Amino acid sequence: MVDKKPISTTDDALRAEGGEPDVDSADELLVSLGYTPELSRNRSTLQVAFMSFVLASIPYGLATTLYYPLVGGGPVTIIWGWVAISLIILCVAASLGEITSVYPTAGGVYYQTFMLAPPAWRRIAAWTCGWLYVVGNVTITLAVNFGTTLFLVGCINVFQTANGEDVLAGEAYQVFLIFLGITLLCNAVSSLGNRWLPILDTFAIFWTFAGVIAIVVCVLAIAKEGRRDAAYVFGHFEVNSGWTPGWSFFVGLLHAAYATSSTGMIISMCEEVRAPATQVPKAMVLTICINTVAGLLFMIPLVFVLPDIQGLIVLAQPVPAIIKSAVGNSGGAFGLLIPLLVLAIICGIGCTTAASRCIYAFARDGAIPGSKWWKEINHKLDDVPLNAMMLSMAVQIILGIIYFGSSAAFNAFSGVGVIALTASYATPIVVSMIDGRKTVRTGSFYLGSLGWFCNIVSICWSLLAIPLFCMPTTIPVVDPTLMNYASVVFVAFTAISVGWYVAWGRKHYTGPPT
């Protein structure tokens, strides 16, 4: 096997900046990396940025997980936790952008790890990273759709019966059936409407900001329960988790980490982008900046009208209750929540699309059981990896059954998604640092000495996040159904990965083409 030298993308960058990106040159670059172009390149730089924004869907992502910072520290964790994580994830995006500008394939961090690692251990490094990346993509997509389900239940329950009871009981079977419907819907739109997805992503941008502005204006203008002062919004710290104050703040960061965990998922779309070596790195960094502003624009007004925290932390989804308290009636609250619900579905479609490309890329290198089926492209559906998408959907539905045994299942799904994606992002960064960052110097997104700083911050965050998000949100855990089972799900996937490597990969897996 002959090692392939890194491909310089500087010329591609100049062509992209000088006019319409050259699709043929992007396909030529992919061929030089050892792959046959099979997917349609139908996304521009802005459309890539829009999809990256949709994968995070910041107002929705922050809305569905607001429980964690409320328990972990209140306003300080909500506002300053978001700022801190955004700055950290900006470093992660910049680090991945450097590497992606050299190796822009749908294999993402998996392919990058293989190409950057020394021949002696590149197979096991790529195998490990690839499985982390696949597990992260699938479980974060599951978390998005499950979060949408719980959020929808919370939105419906802004209406109550004459006796003051919720109109939807939210029994386990009801939640699962709604989740099933949302999952099927997202897969149907992603598979049948592939050519229209860039338009949907563009619509999502304008829809998001229109919806956020409507929420901000209404809750601040009406504020039925009054408004908090700035000292409370930016300085009040209230621990309700049972952890010590410092650690409680960190546990509450799952809120921000979950919302930004999709940062590297957009790399899986490289083979559907016209000039991936330049467009995808720029899109990742640009999206973090947009998301930071959008998140603050959404959360600061909500904290200004925040009701008593003790009444909110008993709810699985506090945001509907916060908005209802601010506007003073159920109908108005539900109307303001509709933009978030629509964005939630669009986010689920985006994550479904990215996860299917990730599985397809890993399967075409023979690293998933039954790869010959999962690497197939359905050309009748406008070049969609339909089988890979169906595999992802099946795994999500099977894992969704966990909710029947644990009401904290969403915590497990979001936790393992963040853990797996964070670890997968860190892998090529670590390998690149071990190599002295020699390879990334050939890319069009090389950051020089700033890249070292971004790399170090990214690795430090990964070392903290992995054990952090295995912790229960509150202690002591007196009810087993409230335990955080992220570590259990993570270990189960690890066992499958190791077992398949021992049974097949050790002798047959050669990694991506070189």
Protein backbone atom coordinates (compact mmCIF):
# COMPACT_ATOMS: atom_id res chain seq x y z
CA MET A 1 0.00 0.00 0.00
CA VAL A 2 1.46 3.35 -1.04
CA ASP A 3 0.75 6.36 1.15
CA LYS A 4 -0.82 9.26 -0.66
CA LYS A 5 0.60 12.71 -0.05
CA PRO A 6 -1.85 15.35 1.16
CA ILE A 7 -3.63 17.14 -1.63
CA SER A 8 -3.00 20.88 -1.83
CA THR A 9 -6.29 22.74 -2.13
CA THR A 10 -4.87 26.22 -2.60
CA ASP A 11 -5.66 26.29 -6.32
CA ASP A 12 -9.21 25.12 -5.62
CA ALA A 13 -9.58 27.93 -3.11
CA LEU A 14 -8.47 30.52 -5.65
CA ARG A 15 -10.91 29.17 -8.22
CA ALA A 16 -13.76 29.26 -5.71
CA GLU A 17 -12.97 32.81 -4.68
CA GLY A 18 -12.59 34.01 -8.25
CA GLY A 19 -16.01 32.93 -9.42
CA GLU A 20 -18.43 30.01 -9.44
CA PRO A 21 -16.87 27.01 -7.69
CA ASP A 22 -15.67 24.33 -10.11
CA VAL A 23 -17.64 21.13 -9.51
CA ASP A 24 -15.35 19.15 -11.81
CA SER A 25 -12.28 20.13 -9.78
CA ALA A 26 -14.04 19.00 -6.60
CA ASP A 27 -14.79 15.63 -8.17
CA GLU A 28 -11.21 15.39 -9.40
CA LEU A 29 -9.98 16.03 -5.88
CA LEU A 30 -12.28 13.28 -4.57
CA VAL A 31 -10.97 10.86 -7.20
CA SER A 32 -7.41 11.74 -6.19
CA LEU A 33 -8.35 10.77 -2.64
CA GLY A 34 -9.44 7.34 -3.88
CA TYR A 35 -13.22 7.64 -4.22
CA THR A 36 -15.69 7.65 -7.11
CA PRO A 37 -18.06 10.68 -7.01
CA GLU A 38 -21.59 9.34 -6.52
CA LEU A 39 -23.47 12.16 -4.77
CA SER A 40 -24.87 15.31 -6.40
CA ARG A 41 -22.97 18.54 -5.65
CA ASN A 42 -25.88 20.94 -5.24
CA ARG A 43 -24.84 23.23 -2.36
CA SER A 44 -23.12 26.62 -2.40
CA THR A 45 -21.09 28.18 0.45
CA LEU A 46 -24.12 29.92 1.93
CA GLN A 47 -26.24 26.78 1.60
CA VAL A 48 -23.56 24.80 3.43
CA ALA A 49 -23.55 27.43 6.18
CA PHE A 50 -27.35 27.32 6.29
CA MET A 51 -27.36 23.53 6.65
CA SER A 52 -24.73 23.76 9.37
CA PHE A 53 -26.99 26.27 11.12
CA VAL A 54 -29.97 23.94 10.70
CA LEU A 55 -28.02 21.01 12.19
CA ALA A 56 -27.57 23.06 15.36
CA SER A 57 -30.95 24.86 15.15
CA ILE A 58 -29.84 26.97 18.08
CA PRO A 59 -33.16 28.38 19.39
CA TYR A 60 -34.71 24.92 19.28
CA GLY A 61 -31.61 23.11 20.57
CA LEU A 62 -31.29 25.49 23.50
CA ALA A 63 -35.04 25.39 24.20
CA THR A 64 -35.27 21.61 24.55
CA THR A 65 -32.36 21.36 27.00
CA LEU A 66 -32.93 24.45 29.17
CA TYR A 67 -33.69 22.17 32.12
CA TYR A 68 -29.98 21.36 32.55
CA PRO A 69 -28.63 24.89 33.18
CA LEU A 70 -31.68 25.75 35.28
CA VAL A 71 -30.75 22.90 37.60
CA GLY A 72 -27.01 23.45 37.23
CA GLY A 73 -26.82 27.12 38.12
CA GLY A 74 -29.67 29.19 36.74
CA PRO A 75 -29.05 32.40 34.76
CA VAL A 76 -25.26 32.34 35.09
CA THR A 77 -25.05 28.86 33.57
CA ILE A 78 -27.60 29.73 30.88
CA ILE A 79 -25.89 32.89 29.65
CA TRP A 80 -22.20 32.56 30.50
CA GLY A 81 -22.15 28.80 29.95
CA TRP A 82 -23.38 29.43 26.42
CA VAL A 83 -20.73 32.09 25.78
CA ALA A 84 -17.95 29.85 27.13
CA ILE A 85 -18.98 26.80 25.11
CA SER A 86 -19.42 28.88 21.95
CA LEU A 87 -15.83 30.13 22.22
CA ILE A 88 -14.58 26.59 22.81
CA ILE A 89 -16.56 25.16 19.89
CA LEU A 90 -15.23 27.95 17.68
CA CYS A 91 -11.78 26.48 18.35
CA VAL A 92 -13.07 22.99 17.50
CA ALA A 93 -14.60 24.25 14.23
CA ALA A 94 -11.38 26.05 13.27
CA SER A 95 -9.32 22.93 14.06
CA LEU A 96 -11.56 20.68 11.99
CA GLY A 97 -11.70 23.29 9.23
CA GLU A 98 -7.93 23.16 8.81
CA ILE A 99 -7.99 19.39 8.37
CA THR A 100 -11.10 19.38 6.16
CA SER A 101 -9.45 21.80 3.74
CA VAL A 102 -6.90 19.05 3.07
CA TYR A 103 -9.21 15.99 3.14
CA PRO A 104 -12.77 17.03 2.11
CA THR A 105 -14.70 13.73 1.94
CA ALA A 106 -17.98 12.40 3.33
CA GLY A 107 -15.91 10.17 5.62
CA GLY A 108 -15.19 13.29 7.64
CA VAL A 109 -13.09 12.88 10.75
CA TYR A 110 -12.87 9.12 10.16
CA TYR A 111 -11.10 9.50 6.81
CA GLN A 112 -8.99 12.37 8.14
CA THR A 113 -7.76 10.28 11.07
CA PHE A 114 -6.69 7.48 8.76
CA MET A 115 -4.79 9.76 6.43
CA LEU A 116 -3.05 11.69 9.22
CA ALA A 117 -2.06 8.71 11.39
CA PRO A 118 1.21 6.77 10.96
CA PRO A 119 0.80 3.49 8.99
CA ALA A 120 1.55 1.39 12.08
CA TRP A 121 -1.68 2.32 13.86
CA ARG A 122 -3.83 4.13 11.32
CA ARG A 123 -6.30 1.24 10.89
CA ILE A 124 -7.26 0.99 14.56
CA ALA A 125 -7.28 4.79 14.93
CA ALA A 126 -9.60 5.22 11.94
CA TRP A 127 -11.82 2.33 13.02
CA THR A 128 -12.24 3.82 16.51
CA CYS A 129 -12.86 7.33 15.22
CA GLY A 130 -15.26 6.09 12.55
CA TRP A 131 -17.41 4.21 15.02
CA LEU A 132 -17.46 7.20 17.37
CA TYR A 133 -18.50 9.41 14.47
CA VAL A 134 -21.27 7.05 13.34
CA VAL A 135 -22.58 6.52 16.87
CA GLY A 136 -22.49 10.26 17.50
CA ASN A 137 -24.37 11.06 14.29
CA VAL A 138 -27.06 8.45 14.92
CA THR A 139 -27.59 9.21 18.62
CA ILE A 140 -27.59 12.99 18.18
CA THR A 141 -30.21 12.57 15.43
CA LEU A 142 -32.16 10.38 17.84
CA ALA A 143 -31.78 13.03 20.56
CA VAL A 144 -33.07 15.73 18.20
CA ASN A 145 -36.18 13.76 17.23
CA PHE A 146 -36.80 12.63 20.80
CA GLY A 147 -36.27 16.17 22.06
CA THR A 148 -38.79 17.40 19.50
CA THR A 149 -41.25 14.85 20.83
CA LEU A 150 -40.89 15.98 24.43
CA PHE A 151 -40.97 19.62 23.38
CA LEU A 152 -44.18 19.05 21.40
CA VAL A 153 -45.78 17.44 24.46
CA GLY A 154 -44.72 20.47 26.54
CA CYS A 155 -46.13 22.86 23.92
CA ILE A 156 -49.46 21.06 23.81
CA ASN A 157 -49.65 21.20 27.59
CA VAL A 158 -49.65 24.99 27.70
CA PHE A 159 -53.35 24.19 27.38
CA GLN A 160 -54.89 22.60 30.45
CA THR A 161 -58.20 21.11 31.45
CA ALA A 162 -60.69 22.86 33.72
CA ASN A 163 -59.15 20.94 36.61
CA GLY A 164 -55.70 22.35 35.83
CA GLU A 165 -54.38 19.07 34.42
CA ASP A 166 -52.32 18.64 31.26
CA VAL A 167 -54.38 17.90 28.15
CA LEU A 168 -51.79 15.31 27.04
CA ALA A 169 -50.73 12.97 29.81
CA GLY A 170 -47.42 12.16 28.14
CA GLU A 171 -47.56 8.45 28.90
CA ALA A 172 -44.60 6.43 27.67
CA TYR A 173 -46.54 4.90 24.77
CA GLN A 174 -47.83 8.32 23.69
CA VAL A 175 -44.33 9.78 23.69
CA PHE A 176 -42.95 6.82 21.76
CA LEU A 177 -45.68 6.98 19.09
CA ILE A 178 -45.12 10.71 18.57
CA PHE A 179 -41.38 10.09 18.36
CA LEU A 180 -42.01 7.33 15.80
CA GLY A 181 -44.12 9.67 13.67
CA ILE A 182 -41.51 12.45 13.77
CA THR A 183 -38.70 10.04 12.89
CA LEU A 184 -40.63 8.63 9.92
CA LEU A 185 -41.47 12.15 8.73
CA CYS A 186 -37.84 13.31 8.85
CA ASN A 187 -36.64 10.24 6.96
CA ALA A 188 -39.38 10.60 4.36
CA VAL A 189 -38.55 14.25 3.63
CA SER A 190 -34.79 13.60 3.60
CA SER A 191 -35.04 10.65 1.21
CA LEU A 192 -37.77 11.88 -1.13
CA GLY A 193 -36.89 15.56 -1.26
CA ASN A 194 -33.10 15.55 -1.48
CA ARG A 195 -32.90 18.11 -4.29
CA TRP A 196 -35.09 20.54 -2.33
CA LEU A 197 -33.20 20.34 0.96
CA PRO A 198 -30.92 23.35 0.26
CA ILE A 199 -34.06 25.46 -0.25
CA LEU A 200 -35.50 24.13 3.01
CA ASP A 201 -32.27 25.07 4.84
CA THR A 202 -32.41 28.60 3.40
CA PHE A 203 -36.03 28.92 4.50
CA ALA A 204 -35.03 27.77 7.99
CA ILE A 205 -32.63 30.70 8.43
CA PHE A 206 -35.28 33.35 7.79
CA TRP A 207 -37.92 31.37 9.68
CA THR A 208 -35.62 31.11 12.70
CA PHE A 209 -34.83 34.79 12.99
CA ALA A 210 -38.45 35.78 12.34
CA GLY A 211 -39.59 33.39 15.06
CA VAL A 212 -36.95 34.52 17.55
CA ILE A 213 -37.78 38.18 16.97
CA ALA A 214 -41.48 37.43 17.53
CA ILE A 215 -40.71 35.61 20.81
CA VAL A 216 -38.32 38.33 22.03
CA VAL A 217 -40.67 41.21 21.27
CA CYS A 218 -43.75 39.54 22.76
CA VAL A 219 -42.26 38.22 26.00
CA LEU A 220 -40.45 41.48 26.78
CA ALA A 221 -43.33 43.75 25.78
CA ILE A 222 -46.06 41.81 27.61
CA ALA A 223 -44.12 40.33 30.56
CA LYS A 224 -47.24 39.54 32.59
CA GLU A 225 -45.24 38.42 35.62
CA GLY A 226 -42.82 41.35 35.45
CA ARG A 227 -39.17 41.56 34.42
CA ARG A 228 -35.97 40.61 36.21
CA ASP A 229 -33.18 43.17 36.60
CA ALA A 230 -29.84 42.90 34.79
CA ALA A 231 -28.03 41.82 37.98
CA TYR A 232 -30.26 38.74 38.15
CA VAL A 233 -30.01 37.92 34.44
CA PHE A 234 -26.23 38.11 34.26
CA GLY A 235 -25.18 37.35 37.82
CA HIS A 236 -27.67 35.12 39.67
CA PHE A 237 -26.29 31.65 40.43
CA GLU A 238 -28.61 29.09 42.01
CA VAL A 239 -27.64 25.42 42.42
CA ASN A 240 -30.45 22.85 42.42
CA SER A 241 -28.54 19.78 41.26
CA GLY A 242 -27.09 18.51 44.54
CA TRP A 243 -23.57 18.85 43.14
CA THR A 244 -21.04 21.33 44.55
CA PRO A 245 -21.44 24.77 42.90
CA GLY A 246 -18.42 24.54 40.58
CA TRP A 247 -19.19 21.06 39.30
CA SER A 248 -22.88 21.91 39.06
CA PHE A 249 -22.02 24.71 36.63
CA PHE A 250 -20.13 22.23 34.43
CA VAL A 251 -22.93 19.63 34.50
CA GLY A 252 -25.28 22.37 33.28
CA LEU A 253 -23.10 22.86 30.21
CA LEU A 254 -24.81 19.88 28.53
CA HIS A 255 -27.33 22.51 27.41
CA ALA A 256 -24.79 24.40 25.30
CA ALA A 257 -22.70 21.35 24.37
CA TYR A 258 -25.74 19.54 22.95
CA ALA A 259 -26.72 22.56 20.86
CA THR A 260 -23.23 22.86 19.35
CA SER A 261 -22.39 19.14 19.06
CA SER A 262 -23.34 19.04 15.38
CA THR A 263 -20.40 21.29 14.42
CA GLY A 264 -18.44 18.58 12.60
CA MET A 265 -21.45 16.71 11.18
CA ILE A 266 -21.50 19.05 8.19
CA ILE A 267 -18.21 17.48 7.03
CA SER A 268 -20.23 14.44 5.95
CA MET A 269 -21.82 16.66 3.28
CA CYS A 270 -18.45 17.42 1.62
CA GLU A 271 -19.26 15.30 -1.43
CA GLU A 272 -22.43 17.30 -2.10
CA VAL A 273 -20.68 20.68 -2.00
CA ARG A 274 -19.26 22.45 -5.03
CA ALA A 275 -15.93 23.48 -3.46
CA PRO A 276 -15.71 21.55 -0.18
CA ALA A 277 -12.08 22.34 0.61
CA THR A 278 -12.92 26.02 1.04
CA GLN A 279 -16.69 26.14 1.59
CA VAL A 280 -17.04 23.65 4.43
CA PRO A 281 -14.31 25.10 6.73
CA LYS A 282 -15.66 28.63 6.25
CA ALA A 283 -19.22 27.43 6.84
CA MET A 284 -18.31 25.70 10.11
CA VAL A 285 -16.63 28.78 11.57
CA LEU A 286 -19.24 31.21 10.25
CA THR A 287 -22.06 29.12 11.69
CA ILE A 288 -20.60 29.18 15.20
CA CYS A 289 -20.49 32.98 15.08
CA ILE A 290 -24.11 33.18 13.87
CA ASN A 291 -25.22 30.61 16.44
CA THR A 292 -23.59 32.50 19.31
CA VAL A 293 -25.50 35.68 18.49
CA ALA A 294 -28.77 33.81 17.84
CA GLY A 295 -28.45 31.94 21.14
CA LEU A 296 -27.94 35.11 23.17
CA LEU A 297 -30.75 36.85 21.31
CA PHE A 298 -33.06 33.98 22.25
CA MET A 299 -32.01 33.28 25.84
CA ILE A 300 -31.40 36.70 27.39
CA PRO A 301 -35.04 37.85 26.95
CA LEU A 302 -36.27 34.54 28.39
CA VAL A 303 -34.11 35.00 31.49
CA PHE A 304 -35.46 38.54 31.91
CA VAL A 305 -38.98 37.09 32.25
CA LEU A 306 -37.93 33.89 34.05
CA PRO A 307 -40.50 32.68 36.63
CA ASP A 308 -39.43 31.04 39.89
CA ILE A 309 -36.79 28.42 39.06
CA GLN A 310 -38.15 25.97 41.63
CA GLY A 311 -41.38 25.72 39.66
CA LEU A 312 -39.55 25.17 36.38
CA ILE A 313 -37.14 22.40 37.34
CA VAL A 314 -40.00 19.99 37.98
CA LEU A 315 -40.88 20.23 34.26
CA ALA A 316 -39.17 18.22 31.51
CA GLN A 317 -39.55 21.17 29.12
CA PRO A 318 -39.49 24.56 30.91
CA VAL A 319 -39.55 26.88 27.85
CA PRO A 320 -43.28 26.49 27.05
CA ALA A 321 -44.05 27.34 30.69
CA ILE A 322 -41.72 30.38 30.59
CA ILE A 323 -43.37 31.77 27.44
CA LYS A 324 -46.87 31.08 28.76
CA SER A 325 -46.00 32.89 32.00
CA ALA A 326 -44.70 35.88 30.03
CA VAL A 327 -47.59 36.30 27.57
CA GLY A 328 -50.32 35.34 30.03
CA ASN A 329 -52.43 33.01 27.91
CA SER A 330 -52.17 29.55 26.37
CA GLY A 331 -53.12 30.44 22.79
CA GLY A 332 -50.54 33.19 22.52
CA ALA A 333 -47.86 30.97 24.03
CA PHE A 334 -48.58 28.13 21.62
CA GLY A 335 -48.49 30.53 18.67
CA LEU A 336 -45.03 31.73 19.70
CA LEU A 337 -43.84 28.14 20.09
CA ILE A 338 -44.83 27.14 16.54
CA PRO A 339 -41.63 28.58 14.95
CA LEU A 340 -39.55 26.45 17.32
CA LEU A 341 -41.57 23.34 16.49
CA VAL A 342 -41.14 23.87 12.74
CA LEU A 343 -37.42 24.48 13.23
CA ALA A 344 -37.25 21.27 15.28
CA ILE A 345 -38.58 19.23 12.35
CA ILE A 346 -36.18 20.91 9.92
CA CYS A 347 -33.32 20.18 12.32
CA GLY A 348 -34.36 16.52 12.44
CA ILE A 349 -34.36 16.38 8.64
CA GLY A 350 -30.88 17.92 8.50
CA CYS A 351 -29.46 15.53 11.09
CA THR A 352 -31.09 12.57 9.33
CA THR A 353 -29.43 13.62 6.08
CA ALA A 354 -25.98 14.08 7.63
CA ALA A 355 -26.16 10.80 9.58
CA SER A 356 -27.02 8.82 6.45
CA ARG A 357 -23.99 10.24 4.61
CA CYS A 358 -21.77 9.38 7.56
CA ILE A 359 -22.94 5.75 7.60
CA TYR A 360 -22.63 5.52 3.80
CA ALA A 361 -19.03 6.78 3.91
CA PHE A 362 -18.03 4.38 6.68
CA ALA A 363 -19.79 1.45 5.02
CA ARG A 364 -18.10 1.91 1.64
CA ASP A 365 -14.80 1.14 3.39
CA GLY A 366 -16.27 -2.09 4.81
CA ALA A 367 -16.30 -1.02 8.46
CA ILE A 368 -19.98 -1.75 9.27
CA PRO A 369 -21.59 -5.21 9.31
CA GLY A 370 -23.50 -5.65 6.04
CA SER A 371 -21.56 -2.87 4.33
CA LYS A 372 -22.52 -4.05 0.85
CA TRP A 373 -26.11 -2.94 1.54
CA TRP A 374 -25.41 0.29 3.43
CA LYS A 375 -23.01 1.71 0.81
CA GLU A 376 -25.60 1.54 -1.99
CA ILE A 377 -26.74 4.83 -3.57
CA ASN A 378 -30.34 5.09 -4.77
CA HIS A 379 -30.07 7.06 -8.01
CA LYS A 380 -33.84 7.06 -8.55
CA LEU A 381 -34.17 9.28 -5.46
CA ASP A 382 -31.64 11.85 -6.70
CA ASP A 383 -28.53 10.08 -5.37
CA VAL A 384 -29.61 9.31 -1.80
CA PRO A 385 -27.90 6.64 0.37
CA LEU A 386 -31.33 5.26 1.22
CA ASN A 387 -30.18 1.99 2.79
CA ALA A 388 -27.82 3.81 5.14
CA MET A 389 -30.66 6.14 6.07
CA MET A 390 -32.95 3.22 6.84
CA LEU A 391 -30.28 1.62 9.03
CA SER A 392 -29.92 4.83 10.99
CA MET A 393 -33.69 5.07 11.39
CA ALA A 394 -33.98 1.47 12.58
CA VAL A 395 -31.28 1.94 15.22
CA GLN A 396 -32.95 5.14 16.45
CA ILE A 397 -36.34 3.45 16.81
CA ILE A 398 -34.83 0.50 18.69
CA LEU A 399 -33.00 2.83 21.09
CA GLY A 400 -36.17 4.88 21.52
CA ILE A 401 -37.70 1.89 23.30
CA ILE A 402 -35.39 2.72 26.25
CA TYR A 403 -37.91 5.43 27.17
CA PHE A 404 -40.30 2.74 28.39
CA GLY A 405 -37.77 1.89 31.11
CA SER A 406 -36.25 5.30 31.81
CA SER A 407 -37.89 8.71 31.73
CA ALA A 408 -34.35 10.14 31.52
CA ALA A 409 -33.76 8.51 28.13
CA PHE A 410 -33.38 11.88 26.42
CA ASN A 411 -30.52 12.66 28.80
CA ALA A 412 -28.82 9.42 27.73
CA PHE A 413 -29.34 10.05 24.01
CA SER A 414 -28.08 13.64 24.12
CA GLY A 415 -25.24 12.70 26.47
CA VAL A 416 -23.88 9.83 24.39
CA GLY A 417 -24.29 11.89 21.21
CA VAL A 418 -22.19 14.71 22.66
CA ILE A 419 -19.60 12.27 24.06
CA ALA A 420 -19.19 10.31 20.82
CA LEU A 421 -19.07 13.34 18.54
CA THR A 422 -16.70 15.21 20.84
CA ALA A 423 -14.32 12.23 20.97
CA SER A 424 -14.51 11.73 17.19
CA TYR A 425 -13.71 15.41 16.56
CA ALA A 426 -10.74 15.23 18.93
CA THR A 427 -9.18 12.17 17.26
CA PRO A 428 -7.89 13.73 14.00
CA ILE A 429 -6.91 16.88 15.91
CA VAL A 430 -4.73 14.83 18.28
CA VAL A 431 -3.19 12.88 15.39
CA SER A 432 -2.46 16.12 13.54
CA MET A 433 -0.76 17.55 16.62
CA ILE A 434 1.36 14.41 17.03
CA ASP A 435 2.43 14.90 13.41
CA GLY A 436 3.48 18.46 14.23
CA ARG A 437 0.60 19.83 12.11
CA LYS A 438 2.71 19.29 8.98
CA THR A 439 -0.17 18.11 6.81
CA VAL A 440 -2.58 20.97 7.52
CA ARG A 441 0.02 23.44 6.23
CA THR A 442 -0.86 22.34 2.70
CA GLY A 443 -4.53 23.29 3.09
CA SER A 444 -6.28 26.50 2.12
CA PHE A 445 -7.55 27.07 5.68
CA TYR A 446 -4.22 26.87 7.52
CA LEU A 447 -4.25 29.04 10.68
CA GLY A 448 -0.57 29.02 11.56
CA SER A 449 0.26 29.39 15.27
CA LEU A 450 -3.38 30.18 16.05
CA GLY A 451 -4.14 26.62 14.97
CA TRP A 452 -2.03 25.24 17.84
CA PHE A 453 -4.08 27.27 20.33
CA CYS A 454 -7.36 26.06 18.83
CA ASN A 455 -6.13 22.45 18.86
CA ILE A 456 -5.12 22.58 22.53
CA VAL A 457 -8.43 24.15 23.59
CA SER A 458 -10.33 21.49 21.61
CA ILE A 459 -8.48 18.61 23.27
CA CYS A 460 -8.88 20.06 26.77
CA TRP A 461 -12.62 20.39 26.18
CA SER A 462 -12.85 16.79 24.97
CA LEU A 463 -11.07 15.49 28.08
CA LEU A 464 -13.59 17.34 30.26
CA ALA A 465 -16.74 16.62 28.26
CA ILE A 466 -16.42 12.84 28.01
CA PRO A 467 -16.64 12.08 31.76
CA LEU A 468 -18.79 15.14 32.47
CA PHE A 469 -21.77 14.07 30.40
CA CYS A 470 -21.82 10.57 31.87
CA MET A 471 -22.78 12.14 35.20
CA PRO A 472 -26.37 12.26 36.44
CA THR A 473 -27.86 15.75 36.25
CA THR A 474 -28.95 15.67 39.89
CA ILE A 475 -27.78 13.76 42.95
CA PRO A 476 -28.54 11.69 44.89
CA VAL A 477 -30.20 9.43 42.33
CA VAL A 478 -33.00 7.82 44.31
CA ASP A 479 -35.01 6.66 41.29
CA PRO A 480 -33.24 4.33 38.81
CA THR A 481 -35.43 5.67 35.97
CA LEU A 482 -33.78 9.09 36.44
CA MET A 483 -30.24 7.78 36.09
CA ASN A 484 -28.10 9.00 33.18
CA TYR A 485 -27.62 5.91 31.02
CA ALA A 486 -25.31 7.64 28.51
CA SER A 487 -22.37 5.53 29.65
CA VAL A 488 -24.40 2.31 29.22
CA VAL A 489 -25.41 3.18 25.64
CA PHE A 490 -21.85 4.27 24.89
CA VAL A 491 -20.38 1.01 26.24
CA ALA A 492 -22.91 -1.04 24.24
CA PHE A 493 -21.85 0.61 20.98
CA THR A 494 -18.19 0.22 21.97
CA ALA A 495 -18.74 -3.50 22.50
CA ILE A 496 -20.28 -3.82 19.03
CA SER A 497 -17.36 -1.92 17.51
CA VAL A 498 -14.70 -4.01 19.28
CA GLY A 499 -16.53 -7.26 18.57
CA TRP A 500 -16.81 -6.51 14.85
CA TYR A 501 -13.15 -5.52 14.69
CA VAL A 502 -12.06 -8.77 16.35
CA ALA A 503 -14.40 -10.90 14.24
CA TRP A 504 -13.78 -9.24 10.88
CA GLY A 505 -11.92 -5.93 10.87
CA ARG A 506 -8.63 -7.19 12.30
CA LYS A 507 -8.00 -9.36 9.23
CA HIS A 508 -10.02 -7.71 6.48
CA TYR A 509 -10.34 -3.98 7.19
CA THR A 510 -7.76 -1.96 5.28
CA GLY A 511 -9.25 1.49 5.75
CA PRO A 512 -10.03 4.11 3.09
CA PRO A 513 -8.26 3.91 -0.27
CA THR A 514 -4.79 5.44 -0.31
